[in-house]
PDB file of N, CA and C in Angstrom:
ATOM      1  N   MET A   1     102.318 102.821  91.727  1.00  0.00           N
ATOM      2  CA  MET A   1     101.708 101.249  91.056  1.00  0.00           C
ATOM      3  C   MET A   1     102.819 100.675  89.483  1.00  0.00           C
ATOM      4  N   ARG A   2     103.563 100.349  89.275  1.00  0.00           N
ATOM      5  CA  ARG A   2     103.284  99.012  87.876  1.00  0.00           C
ATOM      6  C   ARG A   2     102.390  98.800  87.650  1.00  0.00           C
ATOM      7  N   LYS A   3     102.274  99.291  86.488  1.00  0.00           N
ATOM      8  CA  LYS A   3     101.251  99.214  85.208  1.00  0.00           C
ATOM      9  C   LYS A   3     102.061  97.049  84.610  1.00  0.00           C
ATOM     10  N   SER A   4     100.294  96.901  84.574  1.00  0.00           N
ATOM     11  CA  SER A   4     100.559  95.549  84.443  1.00  0.00           C
ATOM     12  C   SER A   4     100.981  95.576  82.305  1.00  0.00           C
ATOM     13  N   ARG A   5     101.346  94.396  81.825  1.00  0.00           N
ATOM     14  CA  ARG A   5     102.143  94.202  80.317  1.00  0.00           C
ATOM     15  C   ARG A   5     100.136  94.061  79.490  1.00  0.00           C
ATOM     16  N   PHE A   6      99.496  93.483  80.444  1.00  0.00           N
ATOM     17  CA  PHE A   6      98.234  93.177  79.865  1.00  0.00           C
ATOM     18  C   PHE A   6      97.031  93.102  80.425  1.00  0.00           C
ATOM     19  N   THR A   7      96.200  93.627  79.210  1.00  0.00           N
ATOM     20  CA  THR A   7      94.882  94.241  79.969  1.00  0.00           C
ATOM     21  C   THR A   7      93.989  93.550  80.548  1.00  0.00           C
ATOM     22  N   GLU A   8      93.230  93.394  81.076  1.00  0.00           N
ATOM     23  CA  GLU A   8      91.860  92.635  81.681  1.00  0.00           C
ATOM     24  C   GLU A   8      91.339  92.406  80.837  1.00  0.00           C
ATOM     25  N   LEU A   9      91.670  92.525  79.436  1.00  0.00           N
ATOM     26  CA  LEU A   9      90.872  91.434  77.906  1.00  0.00           C
ATOM     27  C   LEU A   9      91.792  90.334  77.790  1.00  0.00           C
ATOM     28  N   ARG A  10      92.551  91.111  77.393  1.00  0.00           N
ATOM     29  CA  ARG A  10      93.639  90.583  77.055  1.00  0.00           C
ATOM     30  C   ARG A  10      93.931  88.781  78.683  1.00  0.00           C
ATOM     31  N   ILE A  11      94.022  89.573  79.776  1.00  0.00           N
ATOM     32  CA  ILE A  11      93.362  88.515  80.951  1.00  0.00           C
ATOM     33  C   ILE A  11      93.022  87.459  81.175  1.00  0.00           C
ATOM     34  N   MET A  12      91.484  87.722  80.222  1.00  0.00           N
ATOM     35  CA  MET A  12      90.287  87.058  80.423  1.00  0.00           C
ATOM     36  C   MET A  12      90.584  85.451  78.616  1.00  0.00           C
ATOM     37  N   ALA A  13      91.194  86.836  77.817  1.00  0.00           N
ATOM     38  CA  ALA A  13      91.143  85.666  76.927  1.00  0.00           C
ATOM     39  C   ALA A  13      91.806  84.966  77.067  1.00  0.00           C
ATOM     40  N   VAL A  14      92.803  84.763  77.709  1.00  0.00           N
ATOM     41  CA  VAL A  14      94.191  83.744  78.046  1.00  0.00           C
ATOM     42  C   VAL A  14      93.486  83.222  79.026  1.00  0.00           C
ATOM     43  N   LEU A  15      92.112  83.196  79.933  1.00  0.00           N
ATOM     44  CA  LEU A  15      92.174  82.121  80.816  1.00  0.00           C
ATOM     45  C   LEU A  15      90.515  81.574  80.003  1.00  0.00           C
ATOM     46  N   ARG A  16      90.228  82.332  78.972  1.00  0.00           N
ATOM     47  CA  ARG A  16      88.948  81.255  78.416  1.00  0.00           C
ATOM     48  C   ARG A  16      89.852  80.536  77.258  1.00  0.00           C
ATOM     49  N   GLN A  17      91.389  80.974  76.834  1.00  0.00           N
ATOM     50  CA  GLN A  17      91.902  79.963  75.987  1.00  0.00           C
ATOM     51  C   GLN A  17      91.443  78.295  77.268  1.00  0.00           C
ATOM     52  N   ALA A  18      92.641  79.019  78.906  1.00  0.00           N
ATOM     53  CA  ALA A  18      92.968  77.671  79.244  1.00  0.00           C
ATOM     54  C   ALA A  18      91.416  77.480  79.510  1.00  0.00           C
ATOM     55  N   GLU A  19      90.112  77.620  79.286  1.00  0.00           N
ATOM     56  CA  GLU A  19      89.162  76.670  80.467  1.00  0.00           C
ATOM     57  C   GLU A  19      88.803  75.624  78.365  1.00  0.00           C
ATOM     58  N   SER A  20      89.083  76.176  77.753  1.00  0.00           N
ATOM     59  CA  SER A  20      88.928  75.099  76.373  1.00  0.00           C
ATOM     60  C   SER A  20      89.541  74.197  76.499  1.00  0.00           C
ATOM     61  N   GLY A  21      91.044  73.955  77.135  1.00  0.00           N
ATOM     62  CA  GLY A  21      91.469  72.843  77.244  1.00  0.00           C
ATOM     63  C   GLY A  21      93.027  72.901  76.438  1.00  0.00           C
ATOM     64  N   ILE A  22      93.573  73.628  76.833  1.00  0.00           N
ATOM     65  CA  ILE A  22      94.914  74.417  76.727  1.00  0.00           C
ATOM     66  C   ILE A  22      95.708  73.760  77.744  1.00  0.00           C
ATOM     67  N   GLY A  23      96.710  72.570  77.670  1.00  0.00           N
ATOM     68  CA  GLY A  23      96.982  73.212  79.211  1.00  0.00           C
ATOM     69  C   GLY A  23      98.146  74.214  79.615  1.00  0.00           C
ATOM     70  N   VAL A  24      97.935  74.113  81.067  1.00  0.00           N
ATOM     71  CA  VAL A  24      98.515  75.951  81.246  1.00  0.00           C
ATOM     72  C   VAL A  24      99.889  75.657  81.454  1.00  0.00           C
ATOM     73  N   PRO A  25     100.745  74.891  80.768  1.00  0.00           N
ATOM     74  CA  PRO A  25     102.361  74.810  81.155  1.00  0.00           C
ATOM     75  C   PRO A  25     102.064  75.620  79.411  1.00  0.00           C
ATOM     76  N   GLU A  26     102.020  74.753  78.243  1.00  0.00           N
ATOM     77  CA  GLU A  26     102.287  75.520  76.908  1.00  0.00           C
ATOM     78  C   GLU A  26     101.217  76.884  76.750  1.00  0.00           C
ATOM     79  N   LEU A  27     100.192  76.804  77.707  1.00  0.00           N
ATOM     80  CA  LEU A  27      99.253  78.702  77.873  1.00  0.00           C
ATOM     81  C   LEU A  27     100.787  79.282  77.850  1.00  0.00           C
ATOM     82  N   CYS A  28     101.095  79.208  78.935  1.00  0.00           N
ATOM     83  CA  CYS A  28     102.112  79.872  79.699  1.00  0.00           C
ATOM     84  C   CYS A  28     103.446  80.445  78.483  1.00  0.00           C
ATOM     85  N   ARG A  29     103.973  79.022  77.654  1.00  0.00           N
ATOM     86  CA  ARG A  29     104.826  79.459  77.467  1.00  0.00           C
ATOM     87  C   ARG A  29     104.044  80.417  75.839  1.00  0.00           C
ATOM     88  N   GLN A  30     102.779  79.967  75.673  1.00  0.00           N
ATOM     89  CA  GLN A  30     102.353  80.759  74.373  1.00  0.00           C
ATOM     90  C   GLN A  30     102.163  82.867  75.044  1.00  0.00           C
ATOM     91  N   HIS A  31     102.662  82.819  75.728  1.00  0.00           N
ATOM     92  CA  HIS A  31     102.093  84.328  76.167  1.00  0.00           C
ATOM     93  C   HIS A  31     103.622  85.172  76.404  1.00  0.00           C
ATOM     94  N   GLY A  32     103.734  83.930  76.644  1.00  0.00           N
ATOM     95  CA  GLY A  32     105.336  84.327  77.899  1.00  0.00           C
ATOM     96  C   GLY A  32     105.183  84.645  79.535  1.00  0.00           C
ATOM     97  N   ILE A  33     104.406  83.928  80.617  1.00  0.00           N
ATOM     98  CA  ILE A  33     103.793  84.007  80.910  1.00  0.00           C
ATOM     99  C   ILE A  33     104.863  83.277  82.405  1.00  0.00           C
ATOM    100  N   SER A  34     104.364  83.779  83.437  1.00  0.00           N
ATOM    101  CA  SER A  34     104.688  82.479  84.577  1.00  0.00           C
ATOM    102  C   SER A  34     103.682  81.605  84.856  1.00  0.00           C
ATOM    103  N   THR A  35     103.201  80.639  85.485  1.00  0.00           N
ATOM    104  CA  THR A  35     102.483  79.726  85.677  1.00  0.00           C
ATOM    105  C   THR A  35     101.649  80.320  86.828  1.00  0.00           C
ATOM    106  N   ALA A  36     102.804  80.672  87.901  1.00  0.00           N
ATOM    107  CA  ALA A  36     102.636  81.433  88.937  1.00  0.00           C
ATOM    108  C   ALA A  36     101.783  82.501  88.450  1.00  0.00           C
ATOM    109  N   SER A  37     101.488  83.706  87.391  1.00  0.00           N
ATOM    110  CA  SER A  37     101.085  84.464  87.151  1.00  0.00           C
ATOM    111  C   SER A  37      99.706  83.917  86.881  1.00  0.00           C
ATOM    112  N   PHE A  38      99.999  82.797  85.835  1.00  0.00           N
ATOM    113  CA  PHE A  38      98.709  82.253  84.769  1.00  0.00           C
ATOM    114  C   PHE A  38      97.539  81.741  87.329  1.00  0.00           C
ATOM    115  N   TYR A  39      97.564  81.688  87.585  1.00  0.00           N
ATOM    116  CA  TYR A  39      96.998  81.795  88.386  1.00  0.00           C
ATOM    117  C   TYR A  39      96.424  82.412  89.403  1.00  0.00           C
ATOM    118  N   GLN A  40      96.971  83.446  90.055  1.00  0.00           N
ATOM    119  CA  GLN A  40      96.710  84.731  90.249  1.00  0.00           C
ATOM    120  C   GLN A  40      95.987  85.528  89.610  1.00  0.00           C
ATOM    121  N   TRP A  41      95.742  85.395  88.051  1.00  0.00           N
ATOM    122  CA  TRP A  41      94.922  85.485  87.681  1.00  0.00           C
ATOM    123  C   TRP A  41      93.463  85.083  87.836  1.00  0.00           C
ATOM    124  N   ARG A  42      93.796  83.426  87.659  1.00  0.00           N
ATOM    125  CA  ARG A  42      92.205  83.212  87.428  1.00  0.00           C
ATOM    126  C   ARG A  42      91.834  83.486  88.925  1.00  0.00           C
ATOM    127  N   SER A  43      92.771  83.170  89.989  1.00  0.00           N
ATOM    128  CA  SER A  43      91.667  83.390  91.264  1.00  0.00           C
ATOM    129  C   SER A  43      91.228  84.567  91.504  1.00  0.00           C
ATOM    130  N   LYS A  44      92.029  85.062  90.438  1.00  0.00           N
ATOM    131  CA  LYS A  44      91.610  87.445  90.707  1.00  0.00           C
ATOM    132  C   LYS A  44      89.804  87.275  89.463  1.00  0.00           C
ATOM    133  N   TYR A  45      90.420  86.957  87.674  1.00  0.00           N
ATOM    134  CA  TYR A  45      89.508  87.294  87.083  1.00  0.00           C
ATOM    135  C   TYR A  45      88.559  85.791  87.075  1.00  0.00           C
ATOM    136  N   GLY A  46      88.519  85.012  87.392  1.00  0.00           N
ATOM    137  CA  GLY A  46      88.223  83.473  87.284  1.00  0.00           C
ATOM    138  C   GLY A  46      86.876  84.112  87.150  1.00  0.00           C
ATOM    139  N   GLY A  47      85.938  84.338  87.174  1.00  0.00           N
ATOM    140  CA  GLY A  47      84.073  84.392  87.328  1.00  0.00           C
ATOM    141  C   GLY A  47      83.572  85.086  86.711  1.00  0.00           C
ATOM    142  N   MET A  48      85.033  86.380  86.013  1.00  0.00           N
ATOM    143  CA  MET A  48      84.405  87.736  85.653  1.00  0.00           C
ATOM    144  C   MET A  48      83.868  87.539  83.965  1.00  0.00           C
ATOM    145  N   ASP A  49      82.887  87.907  83.643  1.00  0.00           N
ATOM    146  CA  ASP A  49      82.732  88.271  82.003  1.00  0.00           C
ATOM    147  C   ASP A  49      82.757  89.680  81.323  1.00  0.00           C
ATOM    148  N   VAL A  50      82.680  89.959  80.844  1.00  0.00           N
ATOM    149  CA  VAL A  50      83.187  90.991  79.344  1.00  0.00           C
ATOM    150  C   VAL A  50      82.603  91.583  79.874  1.00  0.00           C
ATOM    151  N   GLY A  51      82.206  93.262  80.218  1.00  0.00           N
ATOM    152  CA  GLY A  51      81.247  93.649  80.299  1.00  0.00           C
ATOM    153  C   GLY A  51      81.080  94.055  78.857  1.00  0.00           C
ATOM    154  N   PRO A  52      79.653  94.045  78.818  1.00  0.00           N
ATOM    155  CA  PRO A  52      79.329  95.546  77.695  1.00  0.00           C
ATOM    156  C   PRO A  52      80.278  96.771  77.238  1.00  0.00           C
ATOM    157  N   ARG A  53      80.656  96.961  77.819  1.00  0.00           N
ATOM    158  CA  ARG A  53      81.461  98.386  76.942  1.00  0.00           C
ATOM    159  C   ARG A  53      82.367  97.053  76.654  1.00  0.00           C
ATOM    160  N   GLU A  54      83.338  96.589  76.965  1.00  0.00           N
ATOM    161  CA  GLU A  54      84.183  95.315  75.990  1.00  0.00           C
ATOM    162  C   GLU A  54      83.626  95.428  75.105  1.00  0.00           C
ATOM    163  N   ARG A  55      82.208  94.133  75.358  1.00  0.00           N
ATOM    164  CA  ARG A  55      81.832  93.603  74.713  1.00  0.00           C
ATOM    165  C   ARG A  55      81.093  94.412  73.121  1.00  0.00           C
ATOM    166  N   HIS A  56      81.039  95.235  72.946  1.00  0.00           N
ATOM    167  CA  HIS A  56      81.349  96.525  72.523  1.00  0.00           C
ATOM    168  C   HIS A  56      81.780  96.540  70.926  1.00  0.00           C
ATOM    169  N   ARG A  57      83.362  96.518  71.558  1.00  0.00           N
ATOM    170  CA  ARG A  57      84.416  96.497  70.928  1.00  0.00           C
ATOM    171  C   ARG A  57      84.331  95.410  69.995  1.00  0.00           C
ATOM    172  N   PHE A  58      84.676  94.673  70.065  1.00  0.00           N
ATOM    173  CA  PHE A  58      84.809  93.520  69.561  1.00  0.00           C
ATOM    174  C   PHE A  58      82.873  92.873  68.723  1.00  0.00           C
ATOM    175  N   GLU A  59      82.105  93.672  68.519  1.00  0.00           N
ATOM    176  CA  GLU A  59      80.614  93.154  67.794  1.00  0.00           C
ATOM    177  C   GLU A  59      81.075  93.980  66.612  1.00  0.00           C
TER     178      GLU A  59
END
């Protein structure tokens, strides 16, 4: 299976930006992804939160 260029943390960061009000087409251009990829990520990771292990990296 092919490895993704984006980590789960980066995917969730992109989804959080979309929730903050940035338009999806603009967000996809900024990150170099297709809108289809964005919507697939949203369906897969939409309700997820950063776990305690990952949260520790940002503190």
